[in-house]
């Protein structure tokens, strides 16, 4: 007598008509997802680069065009001072290293020269400056004058800075009086003036005995303005 077959469990995997377990459905490809991720990253990078370019362009637009350079002429102030020494090749690079990373200066070149009176007058006229592209002329003047009172300076500020715009000019000149003592004990009080514009700035120290005796800051401001006109040269 045959035994009845065991009842089939309701949880038993149904038998495929092929006699095996049905094949699993094919897995979906991840290629579209990967492509979408890569595309999104590329889009973000491009957008970031465009934003940085626009920011750089906006910052760049704040600089004036480079139209003038500073030269070291053989004489200054209508021949009253004669070039004694041009230190631009040695002092210029040092200035450039200091100003190269400044946020308001671009394409900077340093100039430094010492002039002697053509007459029997004693003393020096020292001009130190730069040409390039500068923003915020007022701040540049203040920064250059602040160097006179820095720890590295050998001078002491005697008269606080005064701003003067000589008649017939739109250029503001900032001047102050310094006192300097040398190692031999000799002391000299002299005027220092600074101009700054979109292409140039310079510090003019009139260390002659006549300037020390008179100490006329307004007269030195006018002389500084003339020195500016004699040193500036259009860039062709």
Protein backbone atom coordinates (compact mmCIF):
# COMPACT_ATOMS: atom_id res chain seq x y z
CA UNK A 1 0.00 0.00 0.00
CA UNK A 2 1.51 3.31 -1.06
CA UNK A 3 1.89 6.10 1.44
CA UNK A 4 0.26 9.43 0.61
CA UNK A 5 2.68 12.16 -0.41
CA UNK A 6 3.54 14.76 2.19
CA UNK A 7 1.66 18.02 1.90
CA UNK A 8 3.62 20.79 0.20
CA UNK A 9 4.69 23.65 2.46
CA UNK A 10 3.18 26.95 1.50
CA UNK A 11 6.69 28.48 1.93
CA UNK A 12 8.37 26.09 -0.43
CA UNK A 13 9.95 27.68 -3.47
CA UNK A 14 7.80 26.89 -6.46
CA UNK A 15 9.29 24.69 -9.07
CA UNK A 16 10.14 26.44 -12.29
CA UNK A 17 8.64 25.04 -15.43
CA UNK A 18 12.28 24.57 -16.49
CA UNK A 19 12.80 22.31 -13.51
CA UNK A 20 15.10 24.75 -11.64
CA UNK A 21 14.79 27.82 -9.46
CA UNK A 22 13.81 30.86 -11.56
CA UNK A 23 16.80 33.01 -12.50
CA UNK A 24 17.29 36.24 -10.52
CA UNK A 25 16.33 39.39 -12.39
CA UNK A 26 19.31 41.11 -13.98
CA UNK A 27 20.90 43.78 -11.77
CA UNK A 28 20.56 47.34 -12.95
CA UNK A 29 23.74 48.99 -14.31
CA UNK A 30 25.33 51.70 -12.13
CA UNK A 31 26.85 53.50 -15.10
CA UNK A 32 24.10 56.17 -15.33
CA UNK A 33 24.42 56.90 -11.62
CA UNK A 34 28.21 57.22 -11.82
CA UNK A 35 27.92 59.42 -14.89
CA UNK A 36 25.43 61.65 -13.10
CA UNK A 37 27.74 62.02 -10.09
CA UNK A 38 30.75 62.83 -12.27
CA UNK A 39 28.70 65.30 -14.27
CA UNK A 40 27.56 67.03 -11.10
CA UNK A 41 31.12 67.31 -9.79
CA UNK A 42 32.36 68.71 -13.10
CA UNK A 43 29.54 71.26 -13.10
CA UNK A 44 30.44 72.40 -9.56
CA UNK A 45 34.13 72.72 -10.48
CA UNK A 46 33.34 74.74 -13.59
CA UNK A 47 30.97 76.95 -11.62
CA UNK A 48 33.67 77.50 -8.96
CA UNK A 49 36.27 78.41 -11.58
CA UNK A 50 33.91 80.85 -13.25
CA UNK A 51 33.15 82.45 -9.87
CA UNK A 52 36.85 82.78 -9.04
CA UNK A 53 37.51 84.27 -12.47
CA UNK A 54 34.77 86.83 -11.96
CA UNK A 55 36.12 87.73 -8.51
CA UNK A 56 39.63 88.08 -9.91
CA UNK A 57 38.33 90.25 -12.74
CA UNK A 58 36.49 92.43 -10.26
CA UNK A 59 39.60 92.86 -8.13
CA UNK A 60 41.72 93.47 -11.19
CA UNK A 61 39.35 96.17 -12.39
CA UNK A 62 40.18 98.21 -9.29
CA UNK A 63 43.74 98.82 -10.50
CA UNK A 64 44.53 101.71 -12.85
CA UNK A 65 46.30 101.08 -16.12
CA UNK A 66 50.09 101.26 -16.03
CA UNK A 67 50.76 104.51 -17.90
CA UNK A 68 53.83 105.96 -16.13
CA UNK A 69 57.14 104.75 -14.75
CA UNK A 70 59.71 106.39 -12.47
CA UNK A 71 63.11 107.24 -13.90
CA UNK A 72 66.33 108.43 -12.28
CA UNK A 73 67.27 111.59 -14.21
CA UNK A 74 70.77 113.07 -14.10
CA UNK A 75 69.51 116.22 -12.35
CA UNK A 76 66.48 117.28 -10.33
CA UNK A 77 64.76 120.57 -9.52
CA UNK A 78 65.94 122.37 -12.64
CA UNK A 79 69.54 121.28 -12.19
CA UNK A 80 69.89 122.29 -8.53
CA UNK A 81 70.64 118.66 -7.60
CA UNK A 82 72.96 116.28 -9.45
CA UNK A 83 72.76 112.48 -9.31
CA UNK A 84 75.35 111.10 -6.92
CA UNK A 85 74.34 107.43 -6.78
CA UNK A 86 71.61 105.27 -8.34
CA UNK A 87 70.81 102.41 -5.94
CA UNK A 88 67.83 101.08 -7.90
CA UNK A 89 69.55 97.79 -8.80
CA UNK A 90 70.19 96.96 -5.14
CA UNK A 91 67.47 98.76 -3.18
CA UNK A 92 64.79 98.28 -5.85
CA UNK A 93 64.46 94.47 -5.49
CA UNK A 94 64.23 94.83 -1.71
CA UNK A 95 61.30 97.21 -2.11
CA UNK A 96 59.69 94.88 -4.61
CA UNK A 97 59.86 91.95 -2.20
CA UNK A 98 58.13 94.01 0.47
CA UNK A 99 55.36 95.30 -1.78
CA UNK A 100 54.88 92.27 -4.03
CA UNK A 101 52.36 90.67 -1.68
CA UNK A 102 50.49 93.88 -0.91
CA UNK A 103 46.77 93.66 -1.68
CA UNK A 104 46.72 97.15 -3.25
CA UNK A 105 49.86 97.01 -5.43
CA UNK A 106 50.58 95.22 -8.74
CA UNK A 107 53.53 95.03 -11.17
CA UNK A 108 55.83 96.93 -8.80
CA UNK A 109 59.36 98.16 -9.56
CA UNK A 110 61.62 99.90 -7.06
CA UNK A 111 63.70 103.04 -7.54
CA UNK A 112 66.26 104.59 -5.17
CA UNK A 113 68.72 107.42 -5.78
CA UNK A 114 70.86 109.98 -3.93
CA UNK A 115 71.35 113.52 -5.26
CA UNK A 116 73.86 116.16 -4.16
CA UNK A 117 73.41 119.93 -4.43
CA UNK A 118 75.09 121.38 -7.50
CA UNK A 119 76.21 124.36 -5.39
CA UNK A 120 78.46 124.40 -2.35
CA UNK A 121 75.49 123.51 -0.18
CA UNK A 122 76.06 120.40 1.92
CA UNK A 123 73.77 117.42 2.34
CA UNK A 124 71.82 114.87 0.30
CA UNK A 125 68.46 114.61 -1.40
CA UNK A 126 67.33 110.98 -1.14
CA UNK A 127 64.48 109.70 -3.33
CA UNK A 128 63.02 106.23 -2.80
CA UNK A 129 59.95 105.08 -4.65
CA UNK A 130 58.15 102.61 -6.87
CA UNK A 131 56.15 102.48 -10.05
CA UNK A 132 53.49 99.98 -11.06
CA UNK A 133 49.76 99.96 -10.36
CA UNK A 134 48.47 101.13 -6.99
CA UNK A 135 45.07 101.46 -5.36
CA UNK A 136 44.19 103.69 -2.39
CA UNK A 137 46.77 106.45 -2.77
CA UNK A 138 45.94 107.88 0.67
CA UNK A 139 46.73 104.59 2.38
CA UNK A 140 49.94 104.20 0.37
CA UNK A 141 51.16 107.62 1.54
CA UNK A 142 50.29 106.81 5.14
CA UNK A 143 52.07 103.45 4.93
CA UNK A 144 55.25 104.97 3.52
CA UNK A 145 55.31 107.68 6.19
CA UNK A 146 54.64 105.07 8.89
CA UNK A 147 57.91 103.40 7.89
CA UNK A 148 59.70 106.54 9.10
CA UNK A 149 58.54 105.78 12.63
CA UNK A 150 59.12 102.01 12.47
CA UNK A 151 61.70 100.21 14.59
CA UNK A 152 63.89 99.72 11.54
CA UNK A 153 64.03 103.46 10.86
CA UNK A 154 66.90 105.53 12.22
CA UNK A 155 64.75 108.64 12.37
CA UNK A 156 62.33 110.04 14.96
CA UNK A 157 59.19 111.86 13.88
CA UNK A 158 59.36 115.44 15.13
CA UNK A 159 56.36 116.94 13.33
CA UNK A 160 53.25 114.82 12.60
CA UNK A 161 52.31 114.34 8.93
CA UNK A 162 50.58 117.21 7.16
CA UNK A 163 48.69 116.90 3.87
CA UNK A 164 49.12 119.60 1.28
CA UNK A 165 47.79 119.97 -2.25
CA UNK A 166 49.97 122.61 -3.94
CA UNK A 167 48.20 125.24 -5.99
CA UNK A 168 47.44 124.13 -9.54
CA UNK A 169 47.76 120.42 -8.73
CA UNK A 170 45.36 117.65 -7.79
CA UNK A 171 48.13 115.55 -6.18
CA UNK A 172 48.19 115.46 -2.39
CA UNK A 173 51.63 115.55 -0.78
CA UNK A 174 52.09 114.33 2.81
CA UNK A 175 55.04 115.79 4.73
CA UNK A 176 56.58 115.47 8.17
CA UNK A 177 59.80 116.43 9.93
CA UNK A 178 62.28 113.84 11.18
CA UNK A 179 65.25 114.00 13.52
CA UNK A 180 68.10 111.59 12.96
CA UNK A 181 71.19 110.98 15.06
CA UNK A 182 74.32 109.32 13.65
CA UNK A 183 76.80 107.13 15.50
CA UNK A 184 79.25 110.02 15.82
CA UNK A 185 76.63 112.01 17.74
CA UNK A 186 75.74 114.44 14.97
CA UNK A 187 72.02 115.22 14.60
CA UNK A 188 69.98 116.50 11.68
CA UNK A 189 66.34 117.57 11.50
CA UNK A 190 64.95 117.48 7.97
CA UNK A 191 61.66 117.33 6.01
CA UNK A 192 60.30 114.19 4.36
CA UNK A 193 57.47 114.27 1.82
CA UNK A 194 55.59 111.49 0.05
CA UNK A 195 53.36 111.46 -3.01
CA UNK A 196 51.27 108.55 -4.27
CA UNK A 197 49.09 108.13 -7.33
CA UNK A 198 47.77 105.26 -9.43
CA UNK A 199 51.16 104.50 -11.03
CA UNK A 200 53.88 105.91 -8.75
CA UNK A 201 54.83 106.78 -5.22
CA UNK A 202 58.03 108.19 -3.77
CA UNK A 203 59.53 109.38 -0.52
CA UNK A 204 61.69 112.49 -0.79
CA UNK A 205 64.04 113.24 2.11
CA UNK A 206 65.72 116.66 1.81
CA UNK A 207 68.71 116.15 4.09
CA UNK A 208 70.48 119.35 3.11
CA UNK A 209 71.58 121.93 5.66
CA UNK A 210 69.44 124.68 4.13
CA UNK A 211 66.31 122.51 4.38
CA UNK A 212 67.23 121.65 7.96
CA UNK A 213 67.57 125.32 8.89
CA UNK A 214 64.33 126.42 7.25
CA UNK A 215 62.17 123.29 7.77
CA UNK A 216 59.37 124.59 5.55
CA UNK A 217 57.06 121.63 4.87
CA UNK A 218 54.92 123.52 2.36
CA UNK A 219 58.00 124.51 0.34
CA UNK A 220 59.21 120.89 0.44
CA UNK A 221 55.78 119.72 -0.74
CA UNK A 222 56.06 122.01 -3.79
CA UNK A 223 59.58 120.73 -4.50
CA UNK A 224 58.33 117.15 -4.16
CA UNK A 225 55.61 117.82 -6.71
CA UNK A 226 58.24 119.14 -9.14
CA UNK A 227 60.44 116.10 -8.52
CA UNK A 228 57.45 113.93 -9.37
CA UNK A 229 57.00 115.68 -12.71
CA UNK A 230 60.71 115.33 -13.53
CA UNK A 231 60.93 111.64 -12.61
CA UNK A 232 57.71 110.37 -14.18
CA UNK A 233 57.91 109.12 -17.75
CA UNK A 234 55.03 107.83 -19.94
CA UNK A 235 55.15 104.14 -20.76
CA UNK A 236 55.10 103.73 -24.54
